[in-house]
Each structure stands twice: as structure tokens, then as C-alpha cells.
Protein backbone atom coordinates (compact mmCIF):
# COMPACT_ATOMS: atom_id res chain seq x y z
CA MET A 1 45.31 8.10 11.41
CA THR A 2 42.64 10.58 10.26
CA ASP A 3 42.98 13.86 11.74
CA ARG A 4 39.24 14.78 13.33
CA SER A 5 40.31 17.85 15.23
CA PRO A 6 37.80 21.00 14.77
CA ALA A 7 40.92 22.88 13.19
CA SER A 8 41.14 20.02 10.47
CA ALA A 9 37.55 19.88 9.84
CA ALA A 10 37.19 23.73 9.53
CA ALA A 11 40.17 23.20 6.94
CA ALA A 12 38.32 20.62 4.90
CA ALA A 13 35.27 22.78 4.93
CA ASP A 14 37.32 25.64 3.37
CA ALA A 15 38.84 23.40 0.79
CA ALA A 16 35.37 22.13 -0.11
CA LEU A 17 34.04 25.59 -0.43
CA ALA A 18 36.64 26.39 -2.82
CA ALA A 19 35.85 23.39 -4.96
CA PRO A 20 33.93 24.09 -8.55
CA PHE A 21 30.26 23.34 -8.89
CA PRO A 22 28.97 21.10 -11.24
CA PRO A 23 27.04 21.32 -14.79
CA THR A 24 23.25 22.05 -14.30
CA GLY A 25 21.87 20.68 -17.82
CA LEU A 26 20.81 17.28 -18.96
CA TYR A 27 23.54 15.16 -20.36
CA ILE A 28 22.51 13.39 -23.59
CA ASP A 29 24.60 11.75 -26.13
CA GLY A 30 27.88 13.37 -24.92
CA GLN A 31 26.34 16.85 -24.89
CA TRP A 32 25.19 18.96 -21.68
CA GLN A 33 22.00 20.50 -22.70
CA SER A 34 19.08 22.65 -21.54
CA GLY A 35 15.73 20.93 -20.41
CA ALA A 36 12.07 22.04 -20.51
CA GLY A 37 12.57 24.75 -17.88
CA SER A 38 14.25 23.97 -14.47
CA PHE A 39 13.44 23.31 -10.73
CA PRO A 40 15.32 24.39 -7.72
CA VAL A 41 17.85 22.50 -5.52
CA PHE A 42 17.88 23.08 -1.85
CA ASN A 43 20.33 22.96 1.20
CA PRO A 44 18.41 21.13 3.76
CA ALA A 45 20.63 22.72 6.43
CA ASP A 46 19.35 26.06 6.05
CA GLY A 47 16.58 25.95 3.31
CA THR A 48 18.25 28.07 0.83
CA GLU A 49 18.60 27.48 -2.90
CA LEU A 50 21.52 26.25 -4.12
CA SER A 51 20.98 25.90 -7.99
CA GLN A 52 18.37 25.56 -10.86
CA VAL A 53 18.67 22.46 -12.76
CA ALA A 54 17.44 21.34 -16.11
CA ALA A 55 14.09 19.46 -15.97
CA CYS A 56 13.67 16.75 -18.56
CA THR A 57 10.35 15.68 -20.31
CA ALA A 58 9.47 12.26 -21.59
CA ASP A 59 10.85 13.52 -25.01
CA HIS A 60 14.13 14.07 -23.46
CA ALA A 61 13.98 10.66 -21.87
CA LEU A 62 13.31 9.22 -25.26
CA ALA A 63 16.25 11.12 -26.86
CA ALA A 64 18.73 9.51 -24.13
CA LEU A 65 17.26 6.15 -24.79
CA ALA A 66 17.86 6.67 -28.47
CA ALA A 67 21.33 7.71 -27.87
CA ALA A 68 22.02 4.70 -25.36
CA ASP A 69 20.49 2.33 -27.91
CA ARG A 70 22.86 3.64 -30.85
CA ALA A 71 26.03 3.44 -28.85
CA GLN A 72 25.34 -0.01 -27.49
CA PRO A 73 26.53 -2.00 -30.34
CA ALA A 74 29.92 -0.25 -30.48
CA TRP A 75 30.05 0.07 -26.57
CA ARG A 76 29.69 -3.88 -26.02
CA ARG A 77 32.02 -4.64 -28.56
CA LEU A 78 34.95 -2.49 -27.32
CA ALA A 79 37.77 -4.43 -26.20
CA PRO A 80 37.63 -5.17 -22.21
CA ARG A 81 40.89 -3.51 -21.73
CA LYS A 82 39.93 -0.38 -23.35
CA ARG A 83 36.71 -0.46 -21.25
CA ALA A 84 38.90 -0.81 -18.21
CA ASN A 85 41.07 1.92 -19.41
CA LEU A 86 38.25 4.50 -19.58
CA LEU A 87 36.98 3.36 -16.08
CA HIS A 88 40.39 3.76 -14.58
CA ALA A 89 40.83 7.16 -16.23
CA ALA A 90 37.50 8.14 -14.51
CA HIS A 91 38.72 6.93 -11.25
CA ARG A 92 41.76 9.09 -11.53
CA LEU A 93 39.74 12.13 -12.03
CA MET A 94 37.40 11.38 -9.38
CA LEU A 95 40.26 11.30 -6.93
CA ALA A 96 41.50 14.83 -8.35
CA ARG A 97 38.02 16.20 -7.73
CA GLU A 98 37.37 14.87 -4.27
CA ASP A 99 36.75 18.46 -2.42
CA ALA A 100 34.25 19.16 -5.20
CA PHE A 101 32.42 15.99 -4.80
CA VAL A 102 32.72 16.20 -0.93
CA ARG A 103 31.33 20.04 -0.92
CA VAL A 104 28.56 19.36 -3.19
CA MET A 105 27.20 16.07 -1.48
CA THR A 106 27.10 17.94 1.88
CA LEU A 107 25.27 21.28 0.56
CA GLU A 108 22.46 19.19 -1.30
CA SER A 109 22.13 16.13 1.05
CA GLY A 110 22.98 17.78 4.52
CA LYS A 111 25.28 15.01 5.43
CA PRO A 112 28.40 16.20 7.54
CA LEU A 113 31.58 16.86 5.64
CA THR A 114 33.28 13.73 7.33
CA GLU A 115 30.31 11.39 6.00
CA ALA A 116 30.43 12.77 2.70
CA ARG A 117 34.10 12.35 2.49
CA ALA A 118 33.79 8.77 3.48
CA GLU A 119 31.10 8.25 0.98
CA PHE A 120 33.40 9.74 -1.67
CA LEU A 121 36.11 7.39 -0.77
CA LEU A 122 34.10 4.10 -0.85
CA SER A 123 32.44 5.25 -4.31
CA ALA A 124 36.09 5.70 -5.84
CA ASP A 125 36.79 2.11 -4.38
CA PHE A 126 33.92 0.76 -6.06
CA LEU A 127 34.58 2.38 -9.38
CA LEU A 128 37.99 1.11 -9.02
CA TRP A 129 36.68 -2.41 -8.19
CA PHE A 130 34.62 -2.35 -11.47
CA ALA A 131 37.55 -1.19 -13.63
CA GLU A 132 39.35 -4.15 -12.22
CA GLN A 133 36.61 -6.46 -13.03
CA VAL A 134 36.26 -5.71 -16.74
CA ALA A 135 39.22 -8.00 -17.62
CA HIS A 136 38.06 -10.98 -15.54
CA LEU A 137 34.75 -11.91 -17.02
CA HIS A 138 34.96 -15.70 -17.76
CA GLY A 139 32.53 -18.01 -19.59
CA THR A 140 33.01 -21.87 -19.45
CA TYR A 141 33.84 -24.66 -22.22
CA ALA A 142 32.68 -28.13 -21.42
CA ASP A 143 31.67 -31.55 -23.32
CA ALA A 144 27.95 -32.11 -23.67
CA SER A 145 26.72 -34.64 -21.17
CA ASN A 146 26.43 -37.38 -23.75
CA GLY A 147 29.49 -36.40 -26.05
CA GLY A 148 29.20 -35.09 -29.64
CA PHE A 149 29.37 -31.30 -29.39
CA ARG A 150 30.58 -28.80 -27.07
CA ILE A 151 28.91 -26.55 -24.74
CA VAL A 152 30.28 -22.74 -24.65
CA VAL A 153 28.73 -20.42 -22.08
CA SER A 154 29.82 -16.66 -22.56
CA HIS A 155 28.30 -13.50 -20.96
CA GLN A 156 26.98 -10.58 -22.99
CA PRO A 157 25.75 -7.03 -21.96
CA VAL A 158 22.02 -6.94 -21.13
CA GLY A 159 21.62 -3.70 -23.37
CA PRO A 160 20.68 -0.06 -22.57
CA CYS A 161 19.89 0.35 -18.76
CA LEU A 162 17.88 2.91 -16.60
CA LEU A 163 19.50 3.66 -13.39
CA ILE A 164 17.48 5.28 -10.93
CA THR A 165 19.30 6.56 -7.81
CA PRO A 166 18.26 7.91 -4.48
CA TRP A 167 19.16 11.14 -2.32
CA ASN A 168 20.54 9.64 0.68
CA PHE A 169 23.69 8.55 -1.03
CA PRO A 170 23.91 10.39 -4.17
CA LEU A 171 27.29 9.39 -5.20
CA LEU A 172 27.74 5.76 -3.91
CA MET A 173 24.44 4.83 -5.71
CA ILE A 174 25.27 5.98 -9.15
CA VAL A 175 28.86 4.74 -8.94
CA ARG A 176 27.69 1.18 -7.81
CA LYS A 177 25.04 1.02 -10.39
CA ALA A 178 26.91 2.89 -13.50
CA GLY A 179 30.32 1.43 -12.54
CA ALA A 180 29.03 -2.29 -12.95
CA ALA A 181 26.89 -1.48 -15.79
CA LEU A 182 29.64 0.39 -17.83
CA ALA A 183 32.02 -2.24 -16.95
CA ALA A 184 29.64 -4.81 -18.19
CA GLY A 185 29.29 -3.20 -21.61
CA CYS A 186 26.00 -1.56 -21.12
CA THR A 187 25.06 1.97 -21.78
CA THR A 188 23.22 3.80 -19.24
CA ILE A 189 20.45 6.65 -18.51
CA THR A 190 20.85 7.82 -14.89
CA LYS A 191 17.90 9.68 -13.46
CA THR A 192 18.84 11.60 -10.41
CA ALA A 193 16.70 12.07 -7.32
CA GLN A 194 15.38 15.63 -7.37
CA GLU A 195 16.92 16.42 -3.90
CA THR A 196 20.28 15.62 -5.13
CA PRO A 197 20.83 15.93 -8.85
CA LEU A 198 24.54 18.04 -8.46
CA THR A 199 26.44 15.13 -7.39
CA GLY A 200 25.26 12.75 -10.20
CA ALA A 201 26.18 15.82 -12.34
CA LEU A 202 29.81 15.68 -10.91
CA PHE A 203 30.07 12.09 -11.67
CA THR A 204 28.71 12.32 -15.28
CA GLN A 205 31.33 15.14 -16.03
CA VAL A 206 34.04 12.86 -14.88
CA LEU A 207 32.82 10.26 -17.30
CA HIS A 208 32.70 12.80 -19.99
CA ASP A 209 36.20 14.10 -19.42
CA ALA A 210 37.68 10.58 -18.99
CA GLY A 211 36.57 10.14 -22.80
CA PHE A 212 33.51 7.81 -22.80
CA PRO A 213 31.98 7.99 -26.07
CA PRO A 214 28.75 9.91 -26.70
CA GLY A 215 25.58 8.08 -25.70
CA VAL A 216 27.31 5.51 -23.43
CA ALA A 217 26.51 7.39 -20.29
CA ASN A 218 23.14 9.95 -20.25
CA LEU A 219 22.06 12.04 -17.32
CA LEU A 220 18.40 13.09 -16.30
CA HIS A 221 16.78 15.34 -13.84
CA THR A 222 13.08 15.66 -13.31
CA GLN A 223 10.42 16.37 -10.69
CA ALA A 224 8.11 14.20 -12.91
CA SER A 225 9.77 10.94 -12.17
CA ALA A 226 6.76 8.90 -13.12
CA ALA A 227 6.46 10.24 -16.69
CA VAL A 228 10.16 9.47 -17.36
CA SER A 229 10.14 6.03 -15.84
CA ASP A 230 6.94 5.11 -17.52
CA THR A 231 7.95 6.22 -20.92
CA LEU A 232 11.40 4.45 -20.70
CA LEU A 233 10.06 1.12 -19.33
CA ALA A 234 7.28 1.10 -22.11
CA ASP A 235 10.00 1.13 -24.84
CA PRO A 236 11.49 -2.18 -25.97
CA ARG A 237 14.71 -0.75 -26.37
CA LEU A 238 15.37 -0.21 -22.64
CA ARG A 239 16.46 -3.87 -21.56
CA LYS A 240 17.10 -3.29 -17.45
CA VAL A 241 16.12 -0.92 -14.74
CA SER A 242 18.16 -0.86 -11.73
CA PHE A 243 16.48 1.17 -8.72
CA THR A 244 17.32 1.97 -5.17
CA GLY A 245 14.24 3.51 -3.06
CA SER A 246 11.05 2.51 -1.48
CA THR A 247 9.35 -1.16 -1.90
CA ARG A 248 6.33 0.81 -3.37
CA VAL A 249 8.04 2.26 -6.00
CA GLY A 250 10.28 -0.61 -6.69
CA ALA A 251 7.06 -2.87 -7.18
CA HIS A 252 5.41 -0.29 -9.26
CA LEU A 253 8.70 -0.16 -11.68
CA MET A 254 8.47 -4.06 -11.93
CA GLN A 255 4.73 -3.76 -12.98
CA LEU A 256 5.73 -1.11 -15.60
CA GLY A 257 8.50 -3.25 -17.02
CA ALA A 258 6.56 -6.65 -17.03
CA ALA A 259 5.16 -6.05 -20.49
CA ASN A 260 8.60 -5.94 -22.13
CA ILE A 261 10.07 -8.39 -19.47
CA VAL A 262 12.69 -5.87 -18.62
CA ASN A 263 15.39 -7.33 -16.24
CA ALA A 264 15.32 -5.56 -12.93
CA SER A 265 17.52 -5.16 -10.07
CA MET A 266 15.89 -3.75 -6.82
CA GLU A 267 17.47 -2.46 -3.59
CA LEU A 268 14.48 -1.59 -1.45
CA GLY A 269 13.10 -1.10 1.93
CA GLY A 270 14.83 -2.26 5.26
CA ASP A 271 13.84 -3.02 8.76
CA GLY A 272 17.57 -3.64 10.16
CA PRO A 273 17.18 -5.65 13.42
CA PHE A 274 20.57 -4.87 15.75
CA LEU A 275 20.81 -7.84 18.05
CA VAL A 276 22.76 -7.46 21.35
CA LEU A 277 23.18 -10.79 23.24
CA ASP A 278 23.83 -11.08 26.84
CA ASP A 279 27.52 -11.93 26.30
CA ALA A 280 28.26 -9.03 23.81
CA ASP A 281 30.91 -6.31 24.29
CA LEU A 282 28.62 -3.59 25.46
CA ASP A 283 30.90 -0.88 24.40
CA LEU A 284 31.43 -2.11 21.25
CA ALA A 285 28.00 -2.53 20.65
CA VAL A 286 26.89 0.90 21.77
CA ASP A 287 29.59 2.73 19.30
CA GLN A 288 28.33 0.62 16.36
CA ALA A 289 24.86 0.97 17.19
CA ILE A 290 25.47 4.92 17.26
CA ILE A 291 26.99 4.81 13.80
CA CYS A 292 24.58 2.29 12.30
CA LYS A 293 21.59 4.44 13.76
CA PHE A 294 22.72 7.85 13.18
CA ARG A 295 24.87 7.91 10.23
CA ASN A 296 23.10 10.15 7.74
CA ALA A 297 20.50 11.33 10.25
CA GLY A 298 19.21 7.79 10.06
CA GLN A 299 18.43 8.22 6.58
CA ALA A 300 19.66 4.95 5.29
CA CYS A 301 18.19 1.59 4.15
CA VAL A 302 20.62 -0.49 6.27
CA ALA A 303 20.19 1.57 9.61
CA ALA A 304 19.68 0.02 12.85
CA ASN A 305 15.80 0.14 12.74
CA ARG A 306 15.08 -1.94 15.85
CA ILE A 307 17.75 -2.41 18.70
CA ILE A 308 17.07 -5.86 20.22
CA VAL A 309 18.85 -6.20 23.47
CA ASP A 310 18.82 -9.13 26.01
CA ARG A 311 16.96 -8.07 28.96
CA ARG A 312 20.06 -9.15 31.35
CA VAL A 313 22.21 -6.53 29.72
CA GLU A 314 19.54 -3.92 28.44
CA ALA A 315 19.71 -1.29 31.33
CA ASP A 316 23.59 -1.28 30.69
CA PHE A 317 23.37 -0.90 27.11
CA THR A 318 20.62 1.53 27.28
CA ARG A 319 22.25 3.81 29.72
CA LYS A 320 25.48 3.71 27.87
CA PHE A 321 23.77 4.20 24.38
CA VAL A 322 21.30 7.14 25.67
CA GLY A 323 24.51 8.94 27.30
CA LYS A 324 26.45 8.89 23.98
CA VAL A 325 23.06 9.71 21.76
CA ALA A 326 22.65 13.13 24.21
CA GLU A 327 26.34 14.24 23.36
CA LEU A 328 25.95 13.77 19.58
CA LYS A 329 26.13 17.35 17.93
CA VAL A 330 23.52 18.44 15.61
CA GLY A 331 23.98 21.21 12.71
CA ASN A 332 25.37 22.27 9.47
CA GLY A 333 27.16 19.59 7.72
CA MET A 334 29.80 22.23 6.64
CA GLU A 335 30.85 22.55 10.42
CA PRO A 336 32.10 19.61 12.66
CA VAL A 337 28.97 18.20 13.76
CA ASP A 338 27.90 14.46 14.04
CA VAL A 339 24.25 14.63 12.71
CA GLY A 340 22.98 16.71 9.85
CA PRO A 341 19.46 17.50 8.80
CA MET A 342 16.52 15.53 7.41
CA ILE A 343 16.40 16.07 3.68
CA SER A 344 13.29 17.95 3.59
CA ALA A 345 10.86 19.95 6.09
CA ARG A 346 8.02 17.51 5.03
CA GLN A 347 10.40 14.48 6.42
CA ARG A 348 11.30 16.27 9.46
CA ASP A 349 7.61 17.31 10.11
CA ARG A 350 6.39 13.62 9.79
CA LEU A 351 8.37 12.43 12.80
CA TYR A 352 6.01 14.00 15.18
CA ASP A 353 3.48 11.64 13.91
CA THR A 354 5.87 8.69 14.11
CA ILE A 355 6.95 9.59 17.96
CA ARG A 356 3.20 9.91 18.55
CA ASP A 357 2.80 6.32 17.17
CA LEU A 358 5.51 4.82 18.98
CA THR A 359 4.56 6.61 22.40
CA GLU A 360 0.94 5.51 22.10
CA ALA A 361 1.97 1.68 21.60
CA GLY A 362 4.07 1.77 25.03
CA GLY A 363 7.41 3.40 23.69
CA GLN A 364 9.15 5.65 26.45
CA VAL A 365 11.12 8.76 25.23
CA LEU A 366 14.56 8.65 26.79
CA THR A 367 16.24 11.51 25.16
CA GLY A 368 15.31 13.79 22.22
CA GLY A 369 12.10 14.00 20.44
CA ARG A 370 11.87 17.56 19.08
CA ALA A 371 12.79 19.58 16.13
CA VAL A 372 15.74 21.86 16.36
CA GLN A 373 14.89 25.52 16.19
CA SER A 374 16.70 26.40 13.02
CA PRO A 375 16.23 27.43 9.42
CA GLY A 376 17.12 23.79 8.43
CA TYR A 377 15.26 20.62 8.58
CA PHE A 378 16.76 19.16 12.00
CA PHE A 379 15.65 16.71 14.58
CA GLU A 380 17.04 15.84 17.75
CA PRO A 381 18.61 12.42 17.89
CA THR A 382 16.25 10.57 19.70
CA VAL A 383 15.73 7.21 21.60
CA ILE A 384 12.73 5.26 22.33
CA ARG A 385 12.48 2.35 24.67
CA PHE A 386 10.08 -0.83 24.75
CA ASP A 387 9.81 -3.00 27.67
CA ALA A 388 9.11 -6.22 25.30
CA PRO A 389 9.00 -7.04 21.60
CA ASN A 390 6.28 -4.75 19.93
CA ARG A 391 4.84 -5.02 16.40
CA VAL A 392 4.42 -1.29 15.92
CA MET A 393 8.09 -1.47 14.54
CA CYS A 394 7.82 -4.45 12.55
CA SER A 395 8.03 -3.71 8.66
CA ASN A 396 8.02 0.11 9.77
CA GLU A 397 11.15 1.67 8.19
CA LEU A 398 11.99 4.89 10.26
CA PHE A 399 14.42 6.56 7.98
CA ALA A 400 15.17 9.07 10.80
CA PRO A 401 17.39 10.03 13.69
CA ILE A 402 15.16 7.90 16.06
CA ALA A 403 16.45 4.75 17.89
CA THR A 404 14.01 2.30 18.95
CA ILE A 405 15.27 -0.18 21.83
CA PHE A 406 13.37 -3.60 22.77
CA ALA A 407 14.02 -5.63 25.67
CA VAL A 408 13.83 -9.44 24.94
CA ASP A 409 14.10 -12.68 26.96
CA GLY A 410 16.82 -14.57 25.36
CA VAL A 411 18.24 -15.41 21.83
CA ALA A 412 15.26 -17.26 20.76
CA GLU A 413 12.75 -14.47 21.39
CA ALA A 414 15.44 -11.90 19.87
CA LEU A 415 15.53 -13.97 16.53
CA SER A 416 11.86 -14.41 16.31
CA PHE A 417 11.32 -10.60 16.68
CA ALA A 418 14.00 -9.78 14.17
CA ASN A 419 12.68 -11.94 11.54
CA ASP A 420 8.90 -10.88 11.97
CA SER A 421 9.15 -8.51 8.98
CA ARG A 422 8.53 -8.23 5.50
CA PHE A 423 11.71 -6.81 4.74
CA GLY A 424 15.08 -8.65 4.81
CA LEU A 425 17.99 -6.27 3.73
CA ALA A 426 20.42 -5.70 6.87
CA SER A 427 20.94 -7.23 10.02
CA TYR A 428 23.37 -7.03 12.91
CA VAL A 429 24.36 -9.39 15.76
CA PHE A 430 26.63 -8.51 18.83
CA THR A 431 28.06 -11.71 20.63
CA ASN A 432 31.38 -12.90 21.64
CA ASP A 433 30.46 -16.61 20.93
CA LEU A 434 31.35 -17.75 17.68
CA SER A 435 28.77 -20.47 17.55
CA ARG A 436 26.06 -18.10 18.37
CA ALA A 437 27.06 -15.71 15.68
CA VAL A 438 27.20 -18.18 12.99
CA ARG A 439 23.97 -19.76 13.94
CA LEU A 440 22.09 -16.59 14.18
CA GLY A 441 23.88 -15.58 10.90
CA GLU A 442 22.37 -18.25 9.12
CA ASP A 443 18.83 -18.02 10.74
CA LEU A 444 18.33 -14.51 10.11
CA GLU A 445 16.29 -13.91 7.11
CA PHE A 446 18.26 -11.07 5.85
CA GLY A 447 20.68 -10.88 2.77
CA MET A 448 23.22 -9.20 4.97
CA VAL A 449 24.35 -9.81 8.42
CA GLY A 450 26.93 -7.86 10.33
CA ILE A 451 28.73 -9.53 13.27
CA ASN A 452 29.98 -7.10 15.84
CA ARG A 453 30.04 -4.37 13.27
CA GLY A 454 27.32 -1.92 12.08
CA ILE A 455 28.99 -0.73 8.74
CA MET A 456 28.95 -3.51 5.95
CA ALA A 457 29.64 -1.86 2.61
CA ASP A 458 32.47 -3.05 0.69
CA PRO A 459 33.28 -3.31 -3.10
CA ALA A 460 33.98 -6.98 -2.65
CA ALA A 461 30.81 -7.63 -0.85
CA PRO A 462 27.51 -8.46 -2.57
CA PHE A 463 24.84 -5.79 -1.28
CA GLY A 464 21.29 -6.43 -1.50
CA GLY A 465 18.61 -8.41 0.53
CA THR A 466 15.65 -10.82 0.47
CA LYS A 467 11.84 -10.77 0.75
CA ALA A 468 10.44 -7.23 0.15
CA SER A 469 13.83 -5.63 0.23
CA GLY A 470 14.68 -6.40 -3.07
CA ILE A 471 15.96 -8.49 -6.05
CA GLY A 472 19.59 -8.78 -7.19
CA ARG A 473 22.89 -7.79 -5.66
CA GLU A 474 25.17 -4.90 -6.05
CA ALA A 475 28.77 -5.00 -6.02
CA GLY A 476 30.93 -8.12 -5.21
CA HIS A 477 31.74 -10.67 -7.79
CA GLU A 478 27.99 -10.93 -8.61
CA GLY A 479 27.29 -7.36 -9.09
CA ILE A 480 28.55 -7.00 -12.80
CA TYR A 481 26.86 -10.12 -13.68
CA GLU A 482 23.41 -8.25 -12.91
CA PHE A 483 24.15 -6.60 -16.05
CA LEU A 484 25.22 -9.50 -18.07
CA GLU A 485 23.08 -12.32 -19.68
CA LYS A 486 24.48 -15.96 -20.18
CA LYS A 487 24.84 -17.11 -23.90
CA TYR A 488 25.05 -20.74 -24.49
CA MET A 489 26.41 -21.91 -27.87
CA ALA A 490 26.23 -25.61 -28.93
CA ILE A 491 29.11 -26.24 -31.04
CA THR A 492 29.60 -29.40 -33.36
CA VAL A 493 33.50 -29.87 -33.85
CA GLY A 494 34.99 -32.50 -36.60
CA GLU A 495 35.55 -35.39 -34.52
CA ALA A 496 31.97 -35.35 -33.26
CA LYS A 497 30.54 -35.57 -36.43
CA GLU A 498 30.19 -39.41 -36.65
CA THR A 499 28.30 -39.44 -33.37
CA LEU A 500 25.50 -37.20 -34.49
């Protein structure tokens, strides 16, 4: 059992503070180097500057692509076991540097130490998963439908990849993308989010120290994301882009890559409906809703965006939920708290407009609703209730510590309201009726459905959505194949010649 006492939390904080700080340069062709100036990284818990990191230009991006392109032929030919051994070495180094990762994630993203540690452990599991998959990529061998030759299908790396990662899960996203790409035999260029570049640097240092060859993994930091992405996607040497972020930016990246038919994987916006039916275990539903909504201060694409509750149990659910939300402790993630800050002052300040829009649409604020007076970017965990379905929240991702509850009349109305969204990433159902759970799971127009649980990420599970929530899947048995192309060879063998 994990020790969650204040004393253990303080000890964890002390250990994290003692951990080393990551490199602050660009990593291109196996070397850390300076950029064209630098830009600051801030701690959202107090607004202080943590570090200055190197800023790349389009020329740096092209240098990284040239390095990846040079390294691609040798990397794709490296024996699967040797690639797997490098990934296993990286996994061991990650585990040895746990405190450094946890500290840096908390400092630059604001998430509590407990959440940062959970993200670290899950990320390490993902890296191990991909290391174990390398030697298990299988093709097929079959007779042609009318005989006469053989059909051999194999898989080959797609080629150099651009990986664009978000700030809200700065380690998990780079591991989930780079782990799969590297395992598949692709070289990579990772562009970090400007808010959280240091975690990406720590992971890249792990790859360097594990012995990955020069050019195989490259790292860029920038505040001019468009210039870097536009340059790389216009270059025919780039063969894939994997992006996690907003639907608007994802659509733009796909347009940029269209001219070169760049292979794309997109994990985009969410509008997670969280359905609580009349026969649900309400205590379980409340506990899971708290986790699903307020983890990372609500800044997660799979967060519970609309909590949809059968009217027959809605009053009891809301009373219990509001009571627990009001007890959540907000503060600096280096201390034993439940909810950290928003990532920036701009993100915090927009929430006043969000709450105004929700209340003007008929929502009632039950708790919270204000910024926390602090040097950091904190906002009170907030609950807003609607007496019926309301389209103000359809296709409107909150990305904030604001929970919205909607009372509905029965399963049919709950399902209809849940599906009334252009997004289709994560959804959740709470019921003790297995038949209901399966039926709703099949009818919900979302790529993922959690049944009686609010957290779903696992290395063995394919993560991704439908509709405007993206294309492709990360992790699971499918994740590595996102970075592979099928190759078909028609082979005439000796005994078939007379049939030609």
C-alpha cells in the first residue's frame, strides 16, 4: 500500500528537490547545443522563472530532420533485439532517475507530486511495453487466391517522424509517441510544449545515456511552433507527424502535411460525458468523478467534461460530489495538495468568462467559482449544476477545474445528450447492470468507454478517439503499427512457374 501521509509527502518533496536539473539546450544529431537565444520556463504555482531553454529556428529544425534522415537507414536495419535492448536500457535509467522526473514535472506543469509520480510510473510502463513489442512484430505468408505465387506481407518503418507533445502530460506524451516510433525503427524529432520543455529534456538525456545512436532521437524547443512545424511538414524527408493537442491545430497540421501526403496520427480535443445511471454505486461514481474531473486541475483531454446523472439519483450524487469537491486542497504541487494551478495566468483568467457563459445559460454555481489569491495561477474547484441537458457544454471542452452536472430523465436522454458532440475521445458509464453497460458502451460514439472507472490509460490499451477527437491509436498492440507501413511482396517460387 502506498503511504499517503503528510510526512511521506514531505519526504517525497525533499527527495524531488534534491534531484538533478535537466539540460536546457537543443538535442540534434547526438549533441546538446545552443539555440538562437532562449526563452523562460515558469513555475505556474508561484510565477517564478525556473530556467531559460534554448530556442530553435527553422534552420535548427532542418538540421534535426537532416540528422534523422541520415540515421534512418541504419536505425531501421538494426536488429530488433538490439533496438529492444536500447529501450530496456532507457527504461532502467528512467527508473533510476524517478525523483528528477517527478520534481521537474511538478515544477514546470504545476501538478501535485503524487500526480507527477503516477505519471512517471505509467510512462515507465509504456516504455517497457514498447521495448517488449519490438521483437514481436509479425507479418504474414500465404498462397495467392488462385495459386501460382506467394503473398508475403511485412512491416517497415514509416521513416523520420515529427512528434509534437502537449504540456499537460509532458512525460507520458513523449514516451507514448517516441517509445512506439523508436521501437518501430523510426527516427524522431520531438517538439516540446513551450510551457514544459524540461521534462522532454530529461527523457532525451535518458535516451542519450542509454546509447541511442546520433540522429535517432532529436529534441527541439521553441516559442515559434508554427515556423518549426510548417518548415518540417513542407520537407519530403519527413514521413509522419504525431500530434496531441487541440482539434484546430491538428486540422492545420494535417493541411500542411497534405502536399507531401505525410502520415498523421492525431489525438485531439475531448468532451468526456460521464454517465451516472439510476442503479449506479453512487459512492464509487462520486470518487471516480473527482479523479476524472480534477486530476491535473481538470487540464486533461479525457476529463469528465459533462457529468450526466439520472434525475432519480441526481440529488444524492450532487450532494455527495459537492461535499467532496469542497474538501479538495488547492496549492503548490510540491506540498501535499489535491489540486495544483492552471498552467498560466491567461488560462486561469479565461475561466471567469467560462463561468459567466455557463450561468447565463442556466447553470447554478454550487461551490467554487473564483480564483485563489496567490502568486500562482490557482482556481477553486467548481461545480455548476443544470436542471436538464443544455447545449452550452456540447463540443465545449472546459480544460479546467470546473465540473458541470446535468440532470436527465432516463438512459435514452443520457445517451442522446452524451453523443451530442463533435468530439469522440473518452466517455464513462456507471451502472451495476452489465447489459446496460455493454449496450451503452456500444452506442456511445467515443473511442474509449470506462465502465465504473474514471481512469483508463494502460500500455496494453489502444488510446484514441473518433470524429473531431483524432485519427489513429497510441499504445496497445495497435500503437507501434502507427509507425509502420505494410509491404507486400508477390513471390513466384519454383513449383509455380508452370502455372504462370
